[in-house]
C-alpha atoms as a PDB file:
ATOM      1  CA  MET A   1      10.267   8.636  -9.387  1.00  0.00           C
ATOM      2  CA  SER A   2       6.131   8.270  -9.173  1.00  0.00           C
ATOM      3  CA  ILE A   3       4.389   6.461  -6.257  1.00  0.00           C
ATOM      4  CA  VAL A   4       3.116   3.957  -8.963  1.00  0.00           C
ATOM      5  CA  THR A   5       6.441   3.185 -10.254  1.00  0.00           C
ATOM      6  CA  ILE A   6       7.805   2.687  -6.735  1.00  0.00           C
ATOM      7  CA  LEU A   7       5.370   0.510  -5.420  1.00  0.00           C
ATOM      8  CA  PHE A   8       3.865  -1.169  -8.380  1.00  0.00           C
ATOM      9  CA  PRO A   9       6.583  -3.720  -8.927  1.00  0.00           C
ATOM     10  CA  ASP A  10       6.305  -5.017  -5.444  1.00  0.00           C
ATOM     11  CA  PHE A  11       2.609  -5.249  -5.497  1.00  0.00           C
ATOM     12  CA  ALA A  12       2.808  -7.306  -8.990  1.00  0.00           C
ATOM     13  CA  LEU A  13       5.331  -9.456  -7.498  1.00  0.00           C
ATOM     14  CA  ILE A  14       2.751 -10.147  -4.335  1.00  0.00           C
ATOM     15  CA  LEU A  15      -0.173 -10.819  -6.793  1.00  0.00           C
ATOM     16  CA  LEU A  16       1.911 -13.210  -8.730  1.00  0.00           C
ATOM     17  CA  GLY A  17       2.525 -15.475  -5.629  1.00  0.00           C
ATOM     18  CA  PHE A  18      -1.310 -15.083  -4.850  1.00  0.00           C
ATOM     19  CA  LEU A  19      -2.051 -16.525  -8.480  1.00  0.00           C
ATOM     20  CA  LEU A  20       0.867 -19.031  -8.525  1.00  0.00           C
ATOM     21  CA  MET A  21      -0.662 -20.314  -5.240  1.00  0.00           C
ATOM     22  CA  ARG A  22      -4.026 -20.792  -6.474  1.00  0.00           C
ATOM     23  CA  TYR A  23      -3.273 -21.860 -10.260  1.00  0.00           C
ATOM     24  CA  THR A  24      -0.533 -24.105  -9.909  1.00  0.00           C
ATOM     25  CA  ASP A  25      -0.356 -27.747  -8.288  1.00  0.00           C
ATOM     26  CA  TRP A  26       2.892 -27.024  -6.550  1.00  0.00           C
ATOM     27  CA  GLY A  27       1.320 -28.125  -3.117  1.00  0.00           C
ATOM     28  CA  LYS A  28       1.606 -26.382  -0.035  1.00  0.00           C
ATOM     29  CA  PRO A  29       4.961 -28.302   1.028  1.00  0.00           C
ATOM     30  CA  PHE A  30       6.705 -26.568  -1.784  1.00  0.00           C
ATOM     31  CA  TRP A  31       5.281 -23.196  -0.268  1.00  0.00           C
ATOM     32  CA  SER A  32       6.366 -23.677   3.069  1.00  0.00           C
ATOM     33  CA  GLY A  33       9.497 -24.877   2.031  1.00  0.00           C
ATOM     34  CA  LEU A  34       9.876 -21.717   0.216  1.00  0.00           C
ATOM     35  CA  GLU A  35       9.181 -19.378   3.293  1.00  0.00           C
ATOM     36  CA  LYS A  36      11.208 -21.223   5.428  1.00  0.00           C
ATOM     37  CA  MET A  37      14.262 -20.692   3.239  1.00  0.00           C
ATOM     38  CA  ILE A  38      13.625 -16.847   2.979  1.00  0.00           C
ATOM     39  CA  TYR A  39      12.870 -16.331   6.683  1.00  0.00           C
ATOM     40  CA  TYR A  40      16.027 -18.395   8.112  1.00  0.00           C
ATOM     41  CA  PHE A  41      18.712 -18.323   5.150  1.00  0.00           C
ATOM     42  CA  LEU A  42      18.120 -15.723   2.463  1.00  0.00           C
ATOM     43  CA  PHE A  43      16.501 -12.738   4.256  1.00  0.00           C
ATOM     44  CA  PRO A  44      18.761 -13.017   7.346  1.00  0.00           C
ATOM     45  CA  ALA A  45      21.993 -12.720   4.810  1.00  0.00           C
ATOM     46  CA  LEU A  46      20.273  -9.566   3.175  1.00  0.00           C
ATOM     47  CA  LEU A  47      20.006  -8.133   6.930  1.00  0.00           C
ATOM     48  CA  PHE A  48      23.586  -9.145   7.806  1.00  0.00           C
ATOM     49  CA  TYR A  49      25.062  -7.848   4.412  1.00  0.00           C
ATOM     50  CA  SER A  50      23.514  -4.363   4.689  1.00  0.00           C
ATOM     51  CA  THR A  51      24.041  -3.754   8.340  1.00  0.00           C
ATOM     52  CA  ALA A  52      27.778  -5.201   8.238  1.00  0.00           C
ATOM     53  CA  ARG A  53      29.221  -3.023   5.174  1.00  0.00           C
ATOM     54  CA  THR A  54      27.365   0.119   5.724  1.00  0.00           C
ATOM     55  CA  PRO A  55      29.109   2.677   7.809  1.00  0.00           C
ATOM     56  CA  PHE A  56      26.319   4.146   9.863  1.00  0.00           C
ATOM     57  CA  ASP A  57      26.328   7.451  11.255  1.00  0.00           C
ATOM     58  CA  PHE A  58      24.065   7.350  14.458  1.00  0.00           C
ATOM     59  CA  ALA A  59      24.020  11.357  14.807  1.00  0.00           C
ATOM     60  CA  THR A  60      22.175  11.228  11.584  1.00  0.00           C
ATOM     61  CA  THR A  61      20.212   8.411  12.057  1.00  0.00           C
ATOM     62  CA  GLY A  62      19.450   8.344  15.424  1.00  0.00           C
ATOM     63  CA  THR A  63      16.293  10.825  15.094  1.00  0.00           C
ATOM     64  CA  MET A  64      15.036   8.308  12.600  1.00  0.00           C
ATOM     65  CA  LEU A  65      15.313   5.278  14.910  1.00  0.00           C
ATOM     66  CA  LYS A  66      13.455   7.124  17.537  1.00  0.00           C
ATOM     67  CA  VAL A  67      10.719   7.893  15.513  1.00  0.00           C
ATOM     68  CA  ALA A  68      10.138   4.344  14.214  1.00  0.00           C
ATOM     69  CA  LEU A  69      10.752   3.159  17.930  1.00  0.00           C
ATOM     70  CA  LEU A  70       8.119   5.629  19.028  1.00  0.00           C
ATOM     71  CA  THR A  71       5.664   4.731  16.725  1.00  0.00           C
ATOM     72  CA  ILE A  72       5.659   0.870  17.430  1.00  0.00           C
ATOM     73  CA  THR A  73       5.381   2.055  21.070  1.00  0.00           C
ATOM     74  CA  ALA A  74       2.445   3.846  20.101  1.00  0.00           C
ATOM     75  CA  GLY A  75       1.102   0.764  18.104  1.00  0.00           C
ATOM     76  CA  ILE A  76       1.666  -1.419  21.322  1.00  0.00           C
ATOM     77  CA  ALA A  77      -0.032   0.735  23.414  1.00  0.00           C
ATOM     78  CA  LEU A  78      -2.817   1.468  20.831  1.00  0.00           C
ATOM     79  CA  GLY A  79      -3.565  -2.065  20.669  1.00  0.00           C
ATOM     80  CA  TRP A  80      -3.637  -3.181  24.372  1.00  0.00           C
ATOM     81  CA  ILE A  81      -5.615  -0.281  25.273  1.00  0.00           C
ATOM     82  CA  ALA A  82      -8.644  -1.825  23.432  1.00  0.00           C
ATOM     83  CA  LYS A  83      -8.737  -4.950  25.383  1.00  0.00           C
ATOM     84  CA  PRO A  84     -11.985  -4.166  27.557  1.00  0.00           C
ATOM     85  CA  LEU A  85     -13.916  -2.927  24.253  1.00  0.00           C
ATOM     86  CA  PHE A  86     -14.008  -6.317  23.106  1.00  0.00           C
ATOM     87  CA  ASN A  87     -15.418  -9.628  24.683  1.00  0.00           C
ATOM     88  CA  VAL A  88     -13.755 -12.434  22.717  1.00  0.00           C
ATOM     89  CA  PRO A  89     -12.760 -15.962  23.105  1.00  0.00           C
ATOM     90  CA  PRO A  90      -9.593 -16.646  25.315  1.00  0.00           C
ATOM     91  CA  MET A  91      -6.291 -15.934  23.282  1.00  0.00           C
ATOM     92  CA  MET A  92      -8.117 -14.086  20.344  1.00  0.00           C
ATOM     93  CA  PHE A  93      -7.200 -10.634  21.286  1.00  0.00           C
ATOM     94  CA  GLU A  94      -3.562 -11.659  22.473  1.00  0.00           C
ATOM     95  CA  SER A  95      -3.154 -13.480  18.878  1.00  0.00           C
ATOM     96  CA  GLY A  96      -4.504 -10.743  16.981  1.00  0.00           C
ATOM     97  CA  VAL A  97      -3.098  -7.491  19.119  1.00  0.00           C
ATOM     98  CA  GLN A  98       0.589  -8.232  17.631  1.00  0.00           C
ATOM     99  CA  THR A  99      -0.840  -7.207  13.824  1.00  0.00           C
ATOM    100  CA  ALA A 100      -1.380  -3.440  15.277  1.00  0.00           C
ATOM    101  CA  PHE A 101       2.425  -2.943  15.408  1.00  0.00           C
ATOM    102  CA  ARG A 102       4.354  -6.062  13.751  1.00  0.00           C
ATOM    103  CA  PHE A 103       5.506  -5.420  10.014  1.00  0.00           C
ATOM    104  CA  ASN A 104       6.382  -7.053   6.916  1.00  0.00           C
ATOM    105  CA  SER A 105      10.281  -6.775   6.538  1.00  0.00           C
ATOM    106  CA  TYR A 106      10.188  -7.936   2.934  1.00  0.00           C
ATOM    107  CA  ILE A 107       7.921  -5.206   1.416  1.00  0.00           C
ATOM    108  CA  ALA A 108       9.561  -2.604   3.738  1.00  0.00           C
ATOM    109  CA  LEU A 109      13.464  -3.494   1.960  1.00  0.00           C
ATOM    110  CA  ALA A 110      11.672  -3.566  -1.255  1.00  0.00           C
ATOM    111  CA  VAL A 111      10.205  -0.401  -1.046  1.00  0.00           C
ATOM    112  CA  ALA A 112      13.317   1.022   0.405  1.00  0.00           C
ATOM    113  CA  SER A 113      15.593  -0.211  -2.247  1.00  0.00           C
ATOM    114  CA  ARG A 114      13.064   1.666  -4.785  1.00  0.00           C
ATOM    115  CA  LEU A 115      13.187   4.827  -2.799  1.00  0.00           C
ATOM    116  CA  GLY A 116      16.715   5.357  -1.673  1.00  0.00           C
ATOM    117  CA  GLY A 117      18.933   2.703  -3.567  1.00  0.00           C
ATOM    118  CA  GLU A 118      21.779   0.908  -1.338  1.00  0.00           C
ATOM    119  CA  GLN A 119      21.270   3.485   1.197  1.00  0.00           C
ATOM    120  CA  GLY A 120      17.568   3.474   1.823  1.00  0.00           C
ATOM    121  CA  THR A 121      17.985  -0.689   2.147  1.00  0.00           C
ATOM    122  CA  SER A 122      20.784   0.124   4.806  1.00  0.00           C
ATOM    123  CA  MET A 123      18.695   2.562   6.898  1.00  0.00           C
ATOM    124  CA  MET A 124      15.648   0.516   6.457  1.00  0.00           C
ATOM    125  CA  ALA A 125      17.477  -2.623   7.718  1.00  0.00           C
ATOM    126  CA  LEU A 126      18.754  -0.602  10.781  1.00  0.00           C
ATOM    127  CA  ILE A 127      15.080   0.321  11.442  1.00  0.00           C
ATOM    128  CA  ILE A 128      14.358  -3.568  11.034  1.00  0.00           C
ATOM    129  CA  GLY A 129      17.232  -4.359  13.375  1.00  0.00           C
ATOM    130  CA  PHE A 130      16.056  -2.098  16.295  1.00  0.00           C
ATOM    131  CA  GLY A 131      12.433  -2.697  15.533  1.00  0.00           C
ATOM    132  CA  VAL A 132      12.375  -6.346  15.597  1.00  0.00           C
ATOM    133  CA  PRO A 133      13.344  -6.931  19.115  1.00  0.00           C
ATOM    134  CA  LEU A 134      10.651  -4.466  20.118  1.00  0.00           C
ATOM    135  CA  CYS A 135       7.964  -5.974  18.070  1.00  0.00           C
ATOM    136  CA  ASN A 136       9.068  -9.765  19.180  1.00  0.00           C
ATOM    137  CA  MET A 137       9.069  -8.939  22.931  1.00  0.00           C
ATOM    138  CA  ALA A 138       5.394  -7.616  22.815  1.00  0.00           C
ATOM    139  CA  ALA A 139       4.223 -10.159  20.619  1.00  0.00           C
ATOM    140  CA  VAL A 140       5.917 -13.064  22.826  1.00  0.00           C
ATOM    141  CA  HIS A 141       4.706 -11.439  25.772  1.00  0.00           C
ATOM    142  CA  ALA A 142       1.016 -11.608  24.929  1.00  0.00           C
ATOM    143  CA  LEU A 143       1.552 -15.324  23.940  1.00  0.00           C
ATOM    144  CA  VAL A 144       4.280 -16.358  26.558  1.00  0.00           C
ATOM    145  CA  LYS A 145       2.075 -18.169  28.847  1.00  0.00           C
ATOM    146  CA  LYS A 146       0.979 -20.580  26.015  1.00  0.00           C
ATOM    147  CA  GLY A 147       4.411 -21.298  25.276  1.00  0.00           C
ATOM    148  CA  GLY A 148       8.344 -21.002  25.544  1.00  0.00           C
ATOM    149  CA  GLY A 149       9.968 -18.311  27.279  1.00  0.00           C
ATOM    150  CA  LEU A 150      10.583 -14.673  25.956  1.00  0.00           C
ATOM    151  CA  LEU A 151      14.233 -14.840  26.007  1.00  0.00           C
ATOM    152  CA  ARG A 152      14.255 -18.437  24.002  1.00  0.00           C
ATOM    153  CA  GLU A 153      11.956 -17.101  21.542  1.00  0.00           C
ATOM    154  CA  MET A 154      14.214 -13.835  20.935  1.00  0.00           C
ATOM    155  CA  ALA A 155      17.196 -15.884  20.658  1.00  0.00           C
ATOM    156  CA  LYS A 156      15.861 -18.080  18.130  1.00  0.00           C
ATOM    157  CA  ASN A 157      14.785 -15.209  15.699  1.00  0.00           C
ATOM    158  CA  PRO A 158      16.880 -15.368  12.439  1.00  0.00           C
ATOM    159  CA  LEU A 159      16.291 -11.388  11.729  1.00  0.00           C
ATOM    160  CA  LEU A 160      17.390 -10.421  14.985  1.00  0.00           C
ATOM    161  CA  VAL A 161      20.713 -12.534  14.931  1.00  0.00           C
ATOM    162  CA  ALA A 162      21.644 -11.411  11.665  1.00  0.00           C
ATOM    163  CA  THR A 163      21.162  -7.977  12.266  1.00  0.00           C
ATOM    164  CA  ALA A 164      22.863  -8.048  15.714  1.00  0.00           C
ATOM    165  CA  CYS A 165      25.875 -10.090  13.980  1.00  0.00           C
ATOM    166  CA  GLY A 166      25.976  -7.430  10.847  1.00  0.00           C
ATOM    167  CA  MET A 167      26.053  -4.733  13.347  1.00  0.00           C
ATOM    168  CA  ALA A 168      29.076  -6.204  15.581  1.00  0.00           C
ATOM    169  CA  CYS A 169      31.000  -6.701  12.410  1.00  0.00           C
ATOM    170  CA  ASN A 170      30.289  -3.220  11.068  1.00  0.00           C
ATOM    171  CA  LEU A 171      31.482  -1.817  14.689  1.00  0.00           C
ATOM    172  CA  ALA A 172      34.247  -3.873  14.815  1.00  0.00           C
ATOM    173  CA  GLY A 173      35.620  -2.921  11.471  1.00  0.00           C
ATOM    174  CA  LEU A 174      35.747  -6.015  10.086  1.00  0.00           C
ATOM    175  CA  GLN A 175      35.722  -6.211   6.447  1.00  0.00           C
ATOM    176  CA  ILE A 176      33.481  -8.946   4.485  1.00  0.00           C
ATOM    177  CA  PRO A 177      35.988 -10.772   1.727  1.00  0.00           C
ATOM    178  CA  GLU A 178      34.957 -10.084  -1.746  1.00  0.00           C
ATOM    179  CA  VAL A 179      33.734 -13.700  -2.827  1.00  0.00           C
ATOM    180  CA  ILE A 180      31.571 -13.579   0.195  1.00  0.00           C
ATOM    181  CA  GLY A 181      30.178 -10.564   0.117  1.00  0.00           C
ATOM    182  CA  ALA A 182      29.333 -11.389  -3.593  1.00  0.00           C
ATOM    183  CA  THR A 183      27.532 -14.465  -2.550  1.00  0.00           C
ATOM    184  CA  LEU A 184      25.852 -12.572   0.297  1.00  0.00           C
ATOM    185  CA  SER A 185      24.714  -9.890  -2.265  1.00  0.00           C
ATOM    186  CA  ARG A 186      23.174 -12.446  -4.593  1.00  0.00           C
ATOM    187  CA  MET A 187      21.287 -14.168  -1.840  1.00  0.00           C
ATOM    188  CA  SER A 188      20.392 -10.471  -0.850  1.00  0.00           C
ATOM    189  CA  ASN A 189      18.533  -9.797  -4.032  1.00  0.00           C
ATOM    190  CA  ALA A 190      17.226 -13.080  -4.373  1.00  0.00           C
ATOM    191  CA  SER A 191      15.171 -12.783  -0.751  1.00  0.00           C
ATOM    192  CA  ILE A 192      13.177  -9.431  -1.603  1.00  0.00           C
ATOM    193  CA  ALA A 193      11.656 -10.922  -4.913  1.00  0.00           C
ATOM    194  CA  LEU A 194      10.871 -14.385  -3.566  1.00  0.00           C
ATOM    195  CA  GLY A 195       9.843 -12.625   0.021  1.00  0.00           C
ATOM    196  CA  LEU A 196       7.225 -10.616  -1.861  1.00  0.00           C
ATOM    197  CA  ILE A 197       5.977 -13.621  -3.890  1.00  0.00           C
ATOM    198  CA  ALA A 198       5.884 -15.614  -0.635  1.00  0.00           C
ATOM    199  CA  VAL A 199       3.576 -12.992   0.922  1.00  0.00           C
ATOM    200  CA  GLY A 200       0.883 -13.261  -1.787  1.00  0.00           C
ATOM    201  CA  ALA A 201       1.259 -17.057  -1.408  1.00  0.00           C
ATOM    202  CA  GLY A 202       0.374 -16.568   1.863  1.00  0.00           C
ATOM    203  CA  LEU A 203      -2.731 -14.516   1.716  1.00  0.00           C
ATOM    204  CA  ARG A 204      -5.810 -15.914   3.033  1.00  0.00           C
ATOM    205  CA  LEU A 205      -9.098 -13.505   2.585  1.00  0.00           C
ATOM    206  CA  SER A 206     -11.566 -15.740   4.094  1.00  0.00           C
ATOM    207  CA  GLY A 207     -12.511 -17.862   7.263  1.00  0.00           C
ATOM    208  CA  VAL A 208     -13.241 -14.992  10.211  1.00  0.00           C
ATOM    209  CA  ASN A 209     -16.903 -15.240  11.422  1.00  0.00           C
ATOM    210  CA  GLU A 210     -16.068 -13.410  14.851  1.00  0.00           C
ATOM    211  CA  ALA A 211     -14.292 -10.397  16.365  1.00  0.00           C
ATOM    212  CA  LYS A 212     -15.147  -8.487  13.027  1.00  0.00           C
ATOM    213  CA  GLY A 213     -14.761  -5.226  14.973  1.00  0.00           C
ATOM    214  CA  MET A 214     -11.826  -6.140  16.388  1.00  0.00           C
ATOM    215  CA  ALA A 215      -9.932  -7.167  13.416  1.00  0.00           C
ATOM    216  CA  LEU A 216     -10.972  -3.452  11.820  1.00  0.00           C
ATOM    217  CA  TYR A 217      -9.670  -1.862  14.776  1.00  0.00           C
ATOM    218  CA  PHE A 218      -6.424  -3.676  14.379  1.00  0.00           C
ATOM    219  CA  THR A 219      -6.099  -3.173  10.943  1.00  0.00           C
ATOM    220  CA  ALA A 220      -7.007   0.692  11.098  1.00  0.00           C
ATOM    221  CA  VAL A 221      -4.155   1.298  13.892  1.00  0.00           C
ATOM    222  CA  LYS A 222      -1.494  -0.278  11.677  1.00  0.00           C
ATOM    223  CA  LEU A 223      -2.404   1.170   8.177  1.00  0.00           C
ATOM    224  CA  LEU A 224      -3.823   4.503   9.459  1.00  0.00           C
ATOM    225  CA  ALA A 225      -2.928   5.440  12.957  1.00  0.00           C
ATOM    226  CA  LEU A 226       0.814   4.458  13.257  1.00  0.00           C
ATOM    227  CA  PRO A 227       1.845   6.336   9.822  1.00  0.00           C
ATOM    228  CA  ALA A 228      -0.168   9.173  11.219  1.00  0.00           C
ATOM    229  CA  VAL A 229       2.199   9.192  14.280  1.00  0.00           C
ATOM    230  CA  ALA A 230       5.455   8.643  12.322  1.00  0.00           C
ATOM    231  CA  LEU A 231       4.714  11.395   9.757  1.00  0.00           C
ATOM    232  CA  LEU A 232       3.809  13.994  12.644  1.00  0.00           C
ATOM    233  CA  LEU A 233       6.525  13.149  14.780  1.00  0.00           C
ATOM    234  CA  GLY A 234       9.167  13.084  11.607  1.00  0.00           C
ATOM    235  CA  ARG A 235       7.994  16.477  10.363  1.00  0.00           C
ATOM    236  CA  TRP A 236       8.107  17.649  14.329  1.00  0.00           C
ATOM    237  CA  LEU A 237      11.674  16.231  14.576  1.00  0.00           C
ATOM    238  CA  GLN A 238      12.610  17.845  10.895  1.00  0.00           C
ATOM    239  CA  LEU A 239      13.676  14.267   9.505  1.00  0.00           C
ATOM    240  CA  PRO A 240      15.495  14.571   6.007  1.00  0.00           C
ATOM    241  CA  PRO A 241      13.246  13.708   3.212  1.00  0.00           C
ATOM    242  CA  LEU A 242      14.531  10.082   2.465  1.00  0.00           C
ATOM    243  CA  GLN A 243      14.506   9.510   6.307  1.00  0.00           C
ATOM    244  CA  LEU A 244      10.972  10.966   6.824  1.00  0.00           C
ATOM    245  CA  GLN A 245       9.690   8.512   3.803  1.00  0.00           C
ATOM    246  CA  LEU A 246      11.393   5.940   5.058  1.00  0.00           C
ATOM    247  CA  VAL A 247       9.927   5.652   8.429  1.00  0.00           C
ATOM    248  CA  VAL A 248       6.472   6.691   7.300  1.00  0.00           C
ATOM    249  CA  VAL A 249       6.757   3.406   4.711  1.00  0.00           C
ATOM    250  CA  PHE A 250       7.685   1.529   7.773  1.00  0.00           C
ATOM    251  CA  ALA A 251       5.069   2.550   9.917  1.00  0.00           C
ATOM    252  CA  ALA A 252       2.389   1.926   7.132  1.00  0.00           C
ATOM    253  CA  LEU A 253       3.762  -1.457   6.267  1.00  0.00           C
ATOM    254  CA  PRO A 254       0.915  -4.494   6.730  1.00  0.00           C
ATOM    255  CA  THR A 255       1.856  -7.376   9.344  1.00  0.00           C
ATOM    256  CA  ALA A 256       4.567 -10.211   8.924  1.00  0.00           C
ATOM    257  CA  SER A 257       3.302 -13.462   8.014  1.00  0.00           C
ATOM    258  CA  SER A 258       5.475 -14.586  10.669  1.00  0.00           C
ATOM    259  CA  ALA A 259       2.535 -13.146  13.287  1.00  0.00           C
ATOM    260  CA  TYR A 260       0.532 -16.382  12.070  1.00  0.00           C
ATOM    261  CA  VAL A 261       3.485 -18.478  12.573  1.00  0.00           C
ATOM    262  CA  LEU A 262       3.914 -17.333  16.374  1.00  0.00           C
ATOM    263  CA  ALA A 263       0.215 -17.089  17.355  1.00  0.00           C
ATOM    264  CA  ALA A 264       0.216 -20.956  15.817  1.00  0.00           C
ATOM    265  CA  ARG A 265       3.065 -22.070  17.558  1.00  0.00           C
ATOM    266  CA  MET A 266       2.206 -20.595  20.956  1.00  0.00           C
ATOM    267  CA  GLY A 267      -1.482 -22.009  21.114  1.00  0.00           C
ATOM    268  CA  GLY A 268      -3.100 -18.426  19.848  1.00  0.00           C
ATOM    269  CA  ASN A 269      -5.951 -18.430  17.113  1.00  0.00           C
ATOM    270  CA  GLY A 270      -4.159 -18.741  13.810  1.00  0.00           C
ATOM    271  CA  PRO A 271      -6.859 -18.687  11.431  1.00  0.00           C
ATOM    272  CA  PHE A 272      -7.920 -15.047  12.955  1.00  0.00           C
ATOM    273  CA  VAL A 273      -4.354 -13.728  12.807  1.00  0.00           C
ATOM    274  CA  ALA A 274      -3.908 -15.323   9.081  1.00  0.00           C
ATOM    275  CA  PHE A 275      -7.053 -13.032   8.311  1.00  0.00           C
ATOM    276  CA  LEU A 276      -5.690  -9.924   9.850  1.00  0.00           C
ATOM    277  CA  ILE A 277      -2.375 -10.441   8.211  1.00  0.00           C
ATOM    278  CA  SER A 278      -4.272 -11.201   4.236  1.00  0.00           C
ATOM    279  CA  GLY A 279      -6.550  -8.239   4.865  1.00  0.00           C
ATOM    280  CA  GLY A 280      -4.010  -5.558   6.087  1.00  0.00           C
ATOM    281  CA  THR A 281      -1.600  -6.562   3.035  1.00  0.00           C
ATOM    282  CA  VAL A 282      -4.267  -6.054   0.490  1.00  0.00           C
ATOM    283  CA  LEU A 283      -5.427  -2.989   1.948  1.00  0.00           C
ATOM    284  CA  SER A 284      -2.180  -1.527   2.371  1.00  0.00           C
ATOM    285  CA  ALA A 285      -1.847  -1.355  -1.485  1.00  0.00           C
ATOM    286  CA  LEU A 286      -4.500   1.462  -1.023  1.00  0.00           C
ATOM    287  CA  THR A 287      -3.085   2.901   1.996  1.00  0.00           C
ATOM    288  CA  LEU A 288       0.826   2.910   1.579  1.00  0.00           C
ATOM    289  CA  PRO A 289       0.509   5.267  -1.616  1.00  0.00           C
ATOM    290  CA  LEU A 290      -1.221   7.552   0.155  1.00  0.00           C
ATOM    291  CA  TRP A 291       1.161   7.915   3.063  1.00  0.00           C
ATOM    292  CA  LEU A 292       4.056   7.899   0.755  1.00  0.00           C
ATOM    293  CA  GLY A 293       2.344  10.674  -1.056  1.00  0.00           C
ATOM    294  CA  LEU A 294       2.149  12.453   2.045  1.00  0.00           C
ATOM    295  CA  ALA A 295       5.624  12.061   3.085  1.00  0.00           C
ATOM    296  CA  ARG A 296       7.223  13.057  -0.188  1.00  0.00           C
END
């Protein structure tokens, strides 16, 4: 399957969301409600279902997880070492640094599904399950002085809770009843398409008048440096082809829209983060095919 065939449907849905947001009169409450339904209801169902029903062999996926977590750690380090380089208003750096390492799970699972079917989806769900806590701890820690406690923010994350519950069911050997499994499957299928449309609807490509150098730095770390780290580590540790592609795609993902929500809720600079997310998402349409090609 060609790279264009793999990626075009997902970015086409993002473009569709962008156009629908701007050329319909459905209003912001509609899009806000859709995003909440996906984030708190449909997407957690996908993560729970994927992790609960697929047997995991950590002897074969452990190295892949190690590469993914080391890559996230590299993003956190590369983000924070740049703090002395930029003289910006309070909470602007702390708000933006999360875009150097957080990732868009909707795009991750959509691409993984096309790369490896159910196996690819399950392995990417596992990466997300381990990556979400690390990313959230780093992002919340930067902003926590303006809001609630770290553990409270972690406990309220629906993606983390769903993955933890799915893994617990998996390790306990519990079987999901067929009728419940069918319902979760329908919800999972809906979450990917709607999630990509919601990504497009949330794009904001204007409004940044300061800290352009810092914006460029964070974007370069996320879209260029991290996939390079993942590719080098994956080849060095001799990951199997599918695992290498998945971990490189994971590293090359743009930042999730939840980074904006976190910054806005905890007293950070929401518009700056929204621009970084949107700009990174648009640029990833060019960089993601490049890294996927290098990983194949």
